[in-house]
N, C-alpha and C. Protein backbone atom coordinates (compact mmCIF):
# COMPACT_ATOMS: atom_id res chain seq x y z
N MET A 1 0.92 -1.01 0.08
CA MET A 1 0.12 0.09 0.32
C MET A 1 0.48 1.09 0.38
N ILE A 2 0.33 1.97 -0.99
CA ILE A 2 1.35 3.26 -1.07
C ILE A 2 0.70 4.80 -0.28
N THR A 3 1.47 5.11 0.39
CA THR A 3 0.77 6.47 0.93
C THR A 3 2.35 7.37 1.20
N ILE A 4 2.49 8.53 0.28
CA ILE A 4 2.70 9.93 0.28
C ILE A 4 2.09 10.74 0.82
N ARG A 5 3.03 11.39 1.91
CA ARG A 5 2.62 12.98 2.68
C ARG A 5 3.30 14.03 2.32
N SER A 6 2.21 14.77 2.07
CA SER A 6 3.10 16.24 2.05
C SER A 6 2.79 17.17 3.29
N LYS A 7 2.89 18.57 3.07
CA LYS A 7 2.34 19.30 4.29
C LYS A 7 0.41 20.00 3.70
N LYS A 8 0.85 19.40 2.74
CA LYS A 8 -0.93 20.21 2.20
C LYS A 8 -1.81 18.76 2.01
N PHE A 9 -1.47 17.37 1.90
CA PHE A 9 -2.32 16.38 1.95
C PHE A 9 -1.79 15.10 1.82
N ILE A 10 -2.22 13.99 1.72
CA ILE A 10 -1.36 12.41 1.79
C ILE A 10 -2.16 12.09 0.68
N LEU A 11 -1.27 11.41 0.15
CA LEU A 11 -1.53 10.17 -1.52
C LEU A 11 -1.72 9.16 -0.47
N ARG A 12 -2.91 8.67 -0.78
CA ARG A 12 -3.13 6.98 -0.20
C ARG A 12 -4.31 6.14 -1.02
N PRO A 13 -4.28 5.28 -0.93
CA PRO A 13 -5.21 4.44 -1.72
C PRO A 13 -6.76 4.60 -1.25
N PHE A 14 -7.75 4.34 -2.23
CA PHE A 14 -8.99 4.73 -2.22
C PHE A 14 -9.11 3.49 -0.87
N LYS A 15 -10.70 3.91 -0.43
CA LYS A 15 -10.75 2.89 0.94
C LYS A 15 -12.61 3.56 0.39
N LYS A 16 -13.21 2.06 1.34
CA LYS A 16 -14.39 2.20 1.72
C LYS A 16 -14.45 3.06 2.41
N GLY A 17 -15.54 4.10 2.20
CA GLY A 17 -15.96 5.39 3.10
C GLY A 17 -15.50 6.55 2.37
N ASP A 18 -14.96 6.47 1.17
CA ASP A 18 -14.46 7.64 0.36
C ASP A 18 -15.82 8.07 -0.62
N GLU A 19 -16.60 7.37 -0.82
CA GLU A 19 -17.78 7.42 -2.26
C GLU A 19 -18.18 8.68 -1.96
N LEU A 20 -18.61 9.02 -0.91
CA LEU A 20 -19.35 10.11 -0.78
C LEU A 20 -18.47 11.58 -1.08
N SER A 21 -17.16 11.53 -0.54
CA SER A 21 -16.25 12.69 -0.91
C SER A 21 -15.88 12.88 -2.32
N VAL A 22 -15.90 11.32 -3.05
CA VAL A 22 -15.29 11.17 -4.18
C VAL A 22 -16.10 12.01 -5.02
N ALA A 23 -17.59 11.24 -4.72
CA ALA A 23 -18.83 11.90 -5.76
C ALA A 23 -18.83 13.27 -5.67
N LYS A 24 -18.83 14.25 -4.82
CA LYS A 24 -19.24 14.97 -4.62
C LYS A 24 -18.31 15.98 -4.66
N ASN A 25 -16.79 15.99 -4.60
CA ASN A 25 -15.54 16.52 -5.47
C ASN A 25 -15.33 16.11 -7.14
N ILE A 26 -15.99 15.47 -7.32
CA ILE A 26 -15.88 15.01 -8.92
C ILE A 26 -16.87 15.44 -9.84
N ASN A 27 -17.65 15.85 -9.38
CA ASN A 27 -18.86 15.95 -10.21
C ASN A 27 -19.41 16.96 -10.54
N ASN A 28 -18.63 17.49 -11.32
CA ASN A 28 -18.46 18.88 -11.42
C ASN A 28 -18.10 18.60 -13.48
N ILE A 29 -19.22 19.62 -14.25
CA ILE A 29 -18.86 19.52 -15.78
C ILE A 29 -17.65 20.06 -16.38
N LYS A 30 -16.45 20.75 -15.47
CA LYS A 30 -15.44 21.34 -15.79
C LYS A 30 -14.44 20.02 -15.84
N ILE A 31 -14.65 19.30 -14.71
CA ILE A 31 -13.77 18.18 -14.39
C ILE A 31 -14.00 17.38 -15.39
N ALA A 32 -15.32 16.95 -15.74
CA ALA A 32 -15.36 16.24 -17.12
C ALA A 32 -15.13 16.27 -18.33
N ARG A 33 -15.67 17.57 -18.46
CA ARG A 33 -14.76 18.11 -20.01
C ARG A 33 -13.40 18.32 -20.27
N ASN A 34 -12.44 18.29 -19.38
CA ASN A 34 -10.99 18.37 -19.33
C ASN A 34 -10.40 17.09 -19.12
N THR A 35 -11.55 15.51 -18.75
CA THR A 35 -10.74 14.48 -18.89
C THR A 35 -11.74 13.66 -20.04
N LEU A 36 -10.93 12.53 -20.01
CA LEU A 36 -11.36 11.67 -20.53
C LEU A 36 -12.48 10.30 -20.07
N HIS A 37 -11.96 10.00 -19.20
CA HIS A 37 -12.90 9.11 -18.89
C HIS A 37 -14.42 9.51 -17.35
N ILE A 38 -13.99 10.68 -17.22
CA ILE A 38 -14.97 10.69 -15.71
C ILE A 38 -16.35 11.60 -16.82
N VAL A 39 -17.15 10.83 -16.00
CA VAL A 39 -18.38 11.63 -16.91
C VAL A 39 -19.17 12.81 -15.89
N TYR A 40 -20.27 13.54 -16.65
CA TYR A 40 -20.65 14.15 -15.36
C TYR A 40 -22.25 13.72 -15.82
N PRO A 41 -23.31 13.96 -15.63
CA PRO A 41 -23.08 13.85 -13.74
C PRO A 41 -22.39 12.55 -13.51
N TYR A 42 -21.96 13.06 -11.96
CA TYR A 42 -21.07 11.51 -11.44
C TYR A 42 -21.83 11.12 -10.36
N ASP A 43 -22.56 10.17 -9.98
CA ASP A 43 -23.08 9.97 -8.94
C ASP A 43 -22.52 8.71 -7.95
N MET A 44 -22.61 8.57 -6.84
CA MET A 44 -22.83 7.32 -5.79
C MET A 44 -22.81 6.44 -6.66
N LYS A 45 -23.33 6.18 -7.44
CA LYS A 45 -23.20 4.40 -8.37
C LYS A 45 -21.86 4.68 -8.56
N ALA A 46 -21.47 5.33 -9.87
CA ALA A 46 -20.03 5.83 -10.53
C ALA A 46 -18.92 5.75 -9.11
N ALA A 47 -19.27 6.28 -8.08
CA ALA A 47 -18.39 6.36 -6.62
C ALA A 47 -17.89 5.38 -6.53
N ARG A 48 -19.27 4.55 -6.03
CA ARG A 48 -19.18 3.25 -5.40
C ARG A 48 -18.08 2.21 -6.68
N SER A 49 -18.69 2.14 -7.85
CA SER A 49 -17.91 1.70 -8.68
C SER A 49 -16.22 1.82 -8.73
N TRP A 50 -15.97 2.86 -8.75
CA TRP A 50 -14.62 3.66 -8.76
C TRP A 50 -13.69 2.91 -7.27
N ILE A 51 -14.39 2.80 -6.38
CA ILE A 51 -13.79 2.11 -5.03
C ILE A 51 -13.24 1.04 -4.62
N GLU A 52 -14.53 0.16 -5.40
CA GLU A 52 -14.76 -1.08 -5.38
C GLU A 52 -13.56 -1.45 -6.74
N LEU A 53 -13.37 -1.21 -7.69
CA LEU A 53 -12.54 -1.21 -9.16
C LEU A 53 -11.05 -1.10 -8.40
N ASN A 54 -10.67 0.06 -7.34
CA ASN A 54 -9.20 0.47 -6.87
C ASN A 54 -8.97 -0.96 -5.46
N LEU A 55 -9.82 -1.50 -4.73
CA LEU A 55 -10.02 -2.07 -3.80
C LEU A 55 -9.91 -3.20 -4.80
N LYS A 56 -10.26 -3.66 -5.33
CA LYS A 56 -10.53 -5.61 -6.32
C LYS A 56 -8.60 -5.01 -7.38
N LEU A 57 -8.40 -4.01 -7.74
CA LEU A 57 -6.82 -3.48 -8.00
C LEU A 57 -5.82 -4.00 -7.42
N ASP A 58 -6.08 -3.56 -5.42
CA ASP A 58 -5.31 -3.96 -4.94
C ASP A 58 -5.20 -5.21 -4.07
N LYS A 59 -6.44 -5.97 -4.28
CA LYS A 59 -6.33 -7.20 -3.86
C LYS A 59 -5.73 -7.85 -4.63
N GLU A 60 -6.24 -8.22 -5.97
CA GLU A 60 -5.41 -8.89 -6.86
C GLU A 60 -3.84 -8.46 -7.30
N LYS A 61 -3.57 -7.43 -6.40
CA LYS A 61 -1.64 -6.80 -6.73
C LYS A 61 -1.76 -6.40 -8.29
N ASP A 62 -2.57 -6.15 -8.69
CA ASP A 62 -2.55 -5.84 -10.44
C ASP A 62 -1.12 -4.62 -10.09
N LYS A 63 -0.35 -4.78 -11.03
CA LYS A 63 0.29 -4.16 -11.37
C LYS A 63 0.37 -3.18 -12.57
N SER A 64 -0.27 -2.47 -13.09
CA SER A 64 -0.72 -2.45 -14.34
C SER A 64 -1.13 -0.90 -14.08
N GLN A 65 -1.91 -0.76 -13.26
CA GLN A 65 -2.24 0.39 -12.97
C GLN A 65 -2.58 0.29 -11.29
N PHE A 66 -3.09 1.43 -10.82
CA PHE A 66 -3.21 2.13 -9.69
C PHE A 66 -3.32 2.97 -9.25
N HIS A 67 -4.51 3.92 -8.44
CA HIS A 67 -4.66 5.15 -8.54
C HIS A 67 -5.23 5.29 -6.92
N LEU A 68 -4.64 6.35 -6.09
CA LEU A 68 -4.83 7.05 -5.04
C LEU A 68 -5.49 8.29 -5.08
N ALA A 69 -6.21 8.26 -3.73
CA ALA A 69 -6.84 9.81 -3.42
C ALA A 69 -5.71 10.42 -3.22
N ILE A 70 -6.14 11.60 -3.37
CA ILE A 70 -5.29 13.36 -3.31
C ILE A 70 -6.61 13.67 -1.77
N ALA A 71 -6.10 13.17 -0.50
CA ALA A 71 -6.30 13.40 0.58
C ALA A 71 -6.45 14.85 1.56
N ILE A 72 -7.18 15.52 1.38
CA ILE A 72 -7.31 17.10 2.44
C ILE A 72 -8.00 16.86 3.37
N ASN A 73 -7.61 17.01 4.41
CA ASN A 73 -8.49 16.71 5.98
C ASN A 73 -9.35 15.64 5.80
N GLY A 74 -8.48 14.09 5.65
CA GLY A 74 -8.98 13.36 5.41
C GLY A 74 -10.06 12.93 4.77
N GLU A 75 -10.58 13.87 3.63
CA GLU A 75 -11.13 13.71 2.76
C GLU A 75 -10.95 13.36 1.30
N ALA A 76 -11.12 12.70 0.52
CA ALA A 76 -10.55 12.32 -0.93
C ALA A 76 -11.48 13.47 -1.64
N SER A 77 -10.35 14.04 -2.03
CA SER A 77 -10.67 15.32 -2.61
C SER A 77 -10.16 15.40 -4.03
N GLY A 78 -9.57 14.37 -4.32
CA GLY A 78 -8.84 14.08 -5.81
C GLY A 78 -8.43 13.01 -5.82
N GLY A 79 -8.26 12.88 -6.97
CA GLY A 79 -7.44 11.50 -7.35
C GLY A 79 -6.21 11.33 -8.27
N ILE A 80 -4.97 10.55 -8.36
CA ILE A 80 -4.10 10.73 -9.02
C ILE A 80 -3.69 8.89 -9.23
N GLY A 81 -3.15 9.03 -10.56
CA GLY A 81 -2.59 7.27 -10.51
C GLY A 81 -1.73 7.21 -11.37
N LEU A 82 -1.27 5.93 -11.85
CA LEU A 82 -0.31 5.20 -13.06
C LEU A 82 -1.40 4.43 -13.72
N SER A 83 -1.55 4.05 -15.20
CA SER A 83 -1.60 3.31 -15.42
C SER A 83 -0.95 3.54 -17.14
N GLN A 84 -1.25 2.01 -17.61
CA GLN A 84 -0.33 1.63 -18.59
C GLN A 84 1.11 1.14 -18.16
N VAL A 85 0.86 0.60 -16.58
CA VAL A 85 2.65 1.03 -16.31
C VAL A 85 2.81 -0.88 -16.95
N ASN A 86 4.34 -0.25 -17.79
CA ASN A 86 5.12 -1.64 -18.42
C ASN A 86 6.50 -1.70 -18.91
N GLY A 87 6.91 -2.07 -17.02
CA GLY A 87 8.48 -1.90 -17.23
C GLY A 87 9.09 -0.92 -17.12
N HIS A 88 9.47 -0.21 -18.21
CA HIS A 88 9.81 1.02 -17.99
C HIS A 88 9.14 2.51 -18.29
N SER A 89 8.01 2.49 -18.53
CA SER A 89 7.02 3.82 -18.48
C SER A 89 5.67 4.04 -17.96
N ALA A 90 4.88 4.56 -18.13
CA ALA A 90 3.58 4.73 -17.33
C ALA A 90 2.83 5.68 -17.38
N GLU A 91 1.87 5.81 -18.10
CA GLU A 91 0.90 7.25 -17.99
C GLU A 91 0.14 7.58 -16.58
N ILE A 92 0.46 8.76 -16.20
CA ILE A 92 -0.15 9.61 -15.47
C ILE A 92 -1.44 10.12 -16.05
N GLY A 93 -2.33 10.51 -14.63
CA GLY A 93 -3.64 10.93 -14.32
C GLY A 93 -3.92 11.21 -13.46
N TYR A 94 -4.68 12.89 -13.09
CA TYR A 94 -5.14 13.03 -12.07
C TYR A 94 -6.05 14.11 -12.39
N TRP A 95 -7.22 14.33 -10.98
CA TRP A 95 -8.11 15.49 -11.19
C TRP A 95 -7.88 15.62 -9.83
N LEU A 96 -8.64 16.67 -9.43
CA LEU A 96 -8.68 17.31 -8.53
C LEU A 96 -9.82 18.33 -8.37
N GLY A 97 -10.98 18.00 -7.15
CA GLY A 97 -12.40 18.99 -7.27
C GLY A 97 -11.63 20.51 -7.27
N GLU A 98 -12.86 21.55 -7.72
CA GLU A 98 -12.34 22.78 -7.87
C GLU A 98 -12.18 23.57 -6.85
N ASN A 99 -12.76 23.35 -5.61
CA ASN A 99 -12.40 23.84 -4.46
C ASN A 99 -11.14 24.01 -4.08
N TYR A 100 -10.16 23.44 -4.65
CA TYR A 100 -9.10 23.24 -4.34
C TYR A 100 -7.81 23.19 -5.30
N TRP A 101 -8.73 24.21 -6.40
CA TRP A 101 -7.90 24.59 -7.79
C TRP A 101 -7.09 25.88 -7.27
N GLY A 102 -6.05 25.84 -8.14
CA GLY A 102 -5.21 27.21 -7.77
C GLY A 102 -4.09 27.05 -6.73
N ARG A 103 -3.75 26.15 -5.81
CA ARG A 103 -3.21 26.11 -4.65
C ARG A 103 -2.16 24.94 -4.68
N GLY A 104 -1.58 24.72 -6.26
CA GLY A 104 -0.08 24.44 -6.22
C GLY A 104 -0.50 22.20 -5.37
N ILE A 105 -1.64 22.28 -5.25
CA ILE A 105 -2.12 20.67 -4.91
C ILE A 105 -1.45 19.48 -6.03
N ALA A 106 -2.12 20.19 -7.12
CA ALA A 106 -2.15 18.72 -8.19
C ALA A 106 -0.69 18.93 -8.64
N THR A 107 0.01 19.90 -8.78
CA THR A 107 1.50 20.05 -9.12
C THR A 107 2.34 18.99 -8.25
N LYS A 108 2.17 19.29 -7.13
CA LYS A 108 2.90 19.16 -5.48
C LYS A 108 2.45 17.44 -6.17
N ALA A 109 1.02 16.86 -5.92
CA ALA A 109 0.97 15.69 -6.35
C ALA A 109 1.50 15.09 -7.43
N VAL A 110 1.67 15.64 -8.73
CA VAL A 110 2.33 15.12 -9.96
C VAL A 110 3.70 14.65 -9.73
N LYS A 111 4.54 16.34 -8.80
CA LYS A 111 5.94 15.63 -8.48
C LYS A 111 5.91 14.42 -7.78
N LEU A 112 5.23 14.19 -6.70
CA LEU A 112 5.80 13.23 -5.38
C LEU A 112 5.39 11.88 -6.26
N LEU A 113 4.08 11.64 -6.98
CA LEU A 113 3.97 9.95 -7.28
C LEU A 113 4.62 10.41 -8.59
N THR A 114 5.59 11.00 -9.65
CA THR A 114 6.56 10.88 -10.30
C THR A 114 7.57 10.39 -9.77
N ARG A 115 8.14 11.19 -8.59
CA ARG A 115 9.65 10.48 -7.92
C ARG A 115 9.06 9.18 -7.06
N HIS A 116 8.25 8.82 -6.96
CA HIS A 116 7.74 7.48 -6.41
C HIS A 116 7.57 6.69 -6.98
N ALA A 117 7.38 7.05 -8.72
CA ALA A 117 7.33 6.16 -9.85
C ALA A 117 9.06 5.78 -10.30
N PHE A 118 9.46 6.72 -10.04
CA PHE A 118 11.01 6.65 -10.82
C PHE A 118 12.13 5.80 -9.61
N ALA A 119 11.81 5.88 -8.16
CA ALA A 119 12.82 5.94 -7.12
C ALA A 119 12.12 4.51 -6.85
N LYS A 120 10.52 4.50 -6.37
CA LYS A 120 10.44 2.57 -6.08
C LYS A 120 9.96 2.00 -7.09
N LEU A 121 9.37 2.70 -8.12
CA LEU A 121 8.99 1.39 -9.27
C LEU A 121 10.05 1.37 -10.14
N GLY A 122 11.07 1.98 -10.46
CA GLY A 122 11.95 1.89 -11.44
C GLY A 122 11.70 2.16 -12.72
N LEU A 123 10.99 3.17 -12.94
CA LEU A 123 10.49 3.74 -14.56
C LEU A 123 11.19 4.78 -14.96
N ARG A 124 11.18 5.03 -15.77
CA ARG A 124 12.29 5.34 -16.56
C ARG A 124 11.52 6.56 -17.39
N ARG A 125 10.05 6.63 -17.60
CA ARG A 125 9.55 7.81 -18.58
C ARG A 125 7.82 7.56 -17.63
N VAL A 126 7.51 8.55 -17.25
CA VAL A 126 6.25 8.90 -17.16
C VAL A 126 5.48 10.12 -17.72
N TYR A 127 4.56 9.52 -18.36
CA TYR A 127 3.90 10.65 -19.68
C TYR A 127 2.06 10.82 -19.48
N ALA A 128 2.20 11.88 -20.03
CA ALA A 128 0.38 12.22 -19.73
C ALA A 128 -0.02 12.93 -21.15
N TYR A 129 -1.25 12.87 -21.31
CA TYR A 129 -2.01 13.77 -22.38
C TYR A 129 -3.06 14.35 -22.24
N VAL A 130 -2.71 15.63 -22.68
CA VAL A 130 -3.92 16.74 -22.15
C VAL A 130 -4.55 17.27 -23.00
N PHE A 131 -5.37 17.64 -23.52
CA PHE A 131 -6.40 18.34 -24.40
C PHE A 131 -5.80 19.82 -24.64
N PRO A 132 -5.68 20.33 -25.45
CA PRO A 132 -5.25 21.35 -26.08
C PRO A 132 -5.84 22.60 -25.38
N PHE A 133 -7.43 22.43 -25.16
CA PHE A 133 -7.91 23.38 -24.40
C PHE A 133 -7.72 23.46 -22.76
N ASN A 134 -6.81 22.34 -22.30
CA ASN A 134 -6.76 22.58 -20.71
C ASN A 134 -5.85 22.92 -20.39
N LYS A 135 -5.73 24.46 -20.67
CA LYS A 135 -4.20 24.92 -19.81
C LYS A 135 -4.17 25.25 -18.39
N ALA A 136 -4.81 24.54 -18.01
CA ALA A 136 -4.43 24.78 -16.09
C ALA A 136 -3.83 23.16 -15.96
N SER A 137 -4.43 22.01 -16.67
CA SER A 137 -3.56 20.94 -16.53
C SER A 137 -1.91 20.78 -17.22
N SER A 138 -1.77 21.40 -18.08
CA SER A 138 -0.41 21.68 -19.35
C SER A 138 0.53 22.79 -18.39
N ARG A 139 -0.05 23.79 -17.52
CA ARG A 139 0.88 24.09 -16.62
C ARG A 139 1.16 23.36 -15.26
N VAL A 140 0.15 22.24 -14.81
CA VAL A 140 0.26 21.26 -13.95
C VAL A 140 1.65 20.64 -14.26
N LEU A 141 1.84 19.98 -15.48
CA LEU A 141 2.77 19.51 -15.76
C LEU A 141 3.90 20.00 -15.94
N GLN A 142 3.81 21.16 -16.82
CA GLN A 142 5.18 21.81 -16.59
C GLN A 142 5.77 22.75 -15.58
N LYS A 143 4.79 22.90 -14.72
CA LYS A 143 5.78 22.78 -12.98
C LYS A 143 6.74 22.24 -12.63
N ALA A 144 5.64 20.92 -12.89
CA ALA A 144 6.12 19.56 -12.45
C ALA A 144 7.53 18.94 -13.19
N GLY A 145 7.65 19.75 -14.03
CA GLY A 145 8.83 19.23 -14.92
C GLY A 145 8.95 18.01 -15.74
N TYR A 146 7.72 18.13 -16.64
CA TYR A 146 7.44 17.52 -17.88
C TYR A 146 7.47 18.61 -18.47
N LYS A 147 8.26 17.62 -19.88
CA LYS A 147 8.18 18.54 -20.70
C LYS A 147 7.15 18.48 -22.42
N PHE A 148 6.82 19.52 -22.90
CA PHE A 148 5.97 19.01 -24.10
C PHE A 148 6.59 18.46 -25.42
N GLU A 149 6.34 17.22 -25.89
CA GLU A 149 6.54 16.41 -26.95
C GLU A 149 6.51 16.29 -28.44
N GLY A 150 4.52 16.99 -28.00
CA GLY A 150 3.87 16.71 -29.45
C GLY A 150 2.51 17.22 -29.24
N LYS A 151 2.15 17.54 -30.52
CA LYS A 151 0.39 17.71 -30.56
C LYS A 151 0.03 16.15 -31.52
N LEU A 152 -0.86 15.48 -30.60
CA LEU A 152 -1.06 14.62 -31.60
C LEU A 152 -2.75 14.33 -32.02
N ARG A 153 -2.46 14.43 -33.74
CA ARG A 153 -3.85 15.19 -34.37
C ARG A 153 -4.77 14.13 -34.16
N LYS A 154 -6.09 14.72 -33.76
CA LYS A 154 -7.12 13.69 -34.08
C LYS A 154 -6.96 12.12 -33.22
N ASN A 155 -6.38 12.45 -31.85
CA ASN A 155 -5.38 11.17 -31.41
C ASN A 155 -6.55 10.21 -30.45
N ILE A 156 -7.95 10.91 -30.24
CA ILE A 156 -8.69 10.20 -29.11
C ILE A 156 -10.23 10.63 -29.62
N LEU A 157 -11.26 10.18 -29.16
CA LEU A 157 -12.72 10.24 -29.46
C LEU A 157 -12.70 10.46 -27.89
N LYS A 158 -13.59 12.21 -27.82
CA LYS A 158 -14.33 12.03 -26.39
C LYS A 158 -15.89 12.57 -27.23
N ASP A 159 -16.90 12.16 -26.36
CA ASP A 159 -18.15 12.19 -26.91
C ASP A 159 -18.46 11.91 -27.92
N GLY A 160 -17.53 11.05 -29.07
CA GLY A 160 -17.42 10.60 -30.23
C GLY A 160 -17.24 11.79 -31.12
N LYS A 161 -16.25 12.30 -30.85
CA LYS A 161 -15.50 13.29 -31.75
C LYS A 161 -14.17 13.21 -31.59
N PRO A 162 -13.29 13.55 -32.88
CA PRO A 162 -12.24 12.84 -32.77
C PRO A 162 -11.18 14.39 -32.25
N ILE A 163 -10.38 14.34 -31.41
CA ILE A 163 -9.97 15.50 -30.82
C ILE A 163 -8.28 15.53 -30.53
N ASP A 164 -7.50 16.21 -30.68
CA ASP A 164 -6.04 16.25 -30.46
C ASP A 164 -5.67 15.97 -28.83
N GLU A 165 -4.52 16.03 -28.83
CA GLU A 165 -3.80 15.80 -27.50
C GLU A 165 -2.55 15.77 -27.72
N LEU A 166 -2.28 16.65 -26.44
CA LEU A 166 -0.65 17.22 -26.14
C LEU A 166 -0.43 16.50 -25.17
N LEU A 167 1.08 15.64 -25.50
CA LEU A 167 1.76 14.54 -24.85
C LEU A 167 2.69 15.55 -23.95
N PHE A 168 2.84 15.04 -22.93
CA PHE A 168 3.86 15.64 -21.96
C PHE A 168 4.73 14.36 -21.28
N ALA A 169 5.84 14.12 -21.11
CA ALA A 169 6.78 13.71 -20.25
C ALA A 169 7.83 14.08 -19.28
N LYS A 170 8.09 13.24 -18.53
CA LYS A 170 8.97 13.56 -17.77
C LYS A 170 10.11 11.95 -17.80
N THR A 171 11.53 12.23 -17.90
CA THR A 171 12.37 10.93 -17.54
C THR A 171 13.10 11.16 -17.06
N ARG A 172 13.82 9.75 -16.55
CA ARG A 172 14.84 9.84 -15.54
C ARG A 172 16.20 9.16 -16.18
């Protein structure tokens, strides 16, 4: 079980009881617009499914992905994780409740998880895809030391429409 502490928050595994705070913090059209897999509205059923998935991944010791809560004052106020973990690289993804935007929390969480990925998991590359209109997420990655690698034209479907993505990465 991974737990990473900072002065403002703790990165920890999602647990039973996080459903209400997850649903409260993630149920935001702005978050859904700027992410690929988060839906709006995001209800308690979705939150329960998310928590169950994470408990299952942990129980099965699935090393291909893991997700951590960004816990502020004990509440799951955001999430961050690695997916597509394959020996030397992984994709990082994150979200944070709007009440916590603009405080450097997402940047610090990305820095901490990236440091963990390099030091404890032995990864050599961590990358992220960002929609071109998500300027805040691009800034988070740049402040965390990620470099812009390119624009992938019509790389993904969002709401059934092809959309560009920006690729950022940090290497060790």
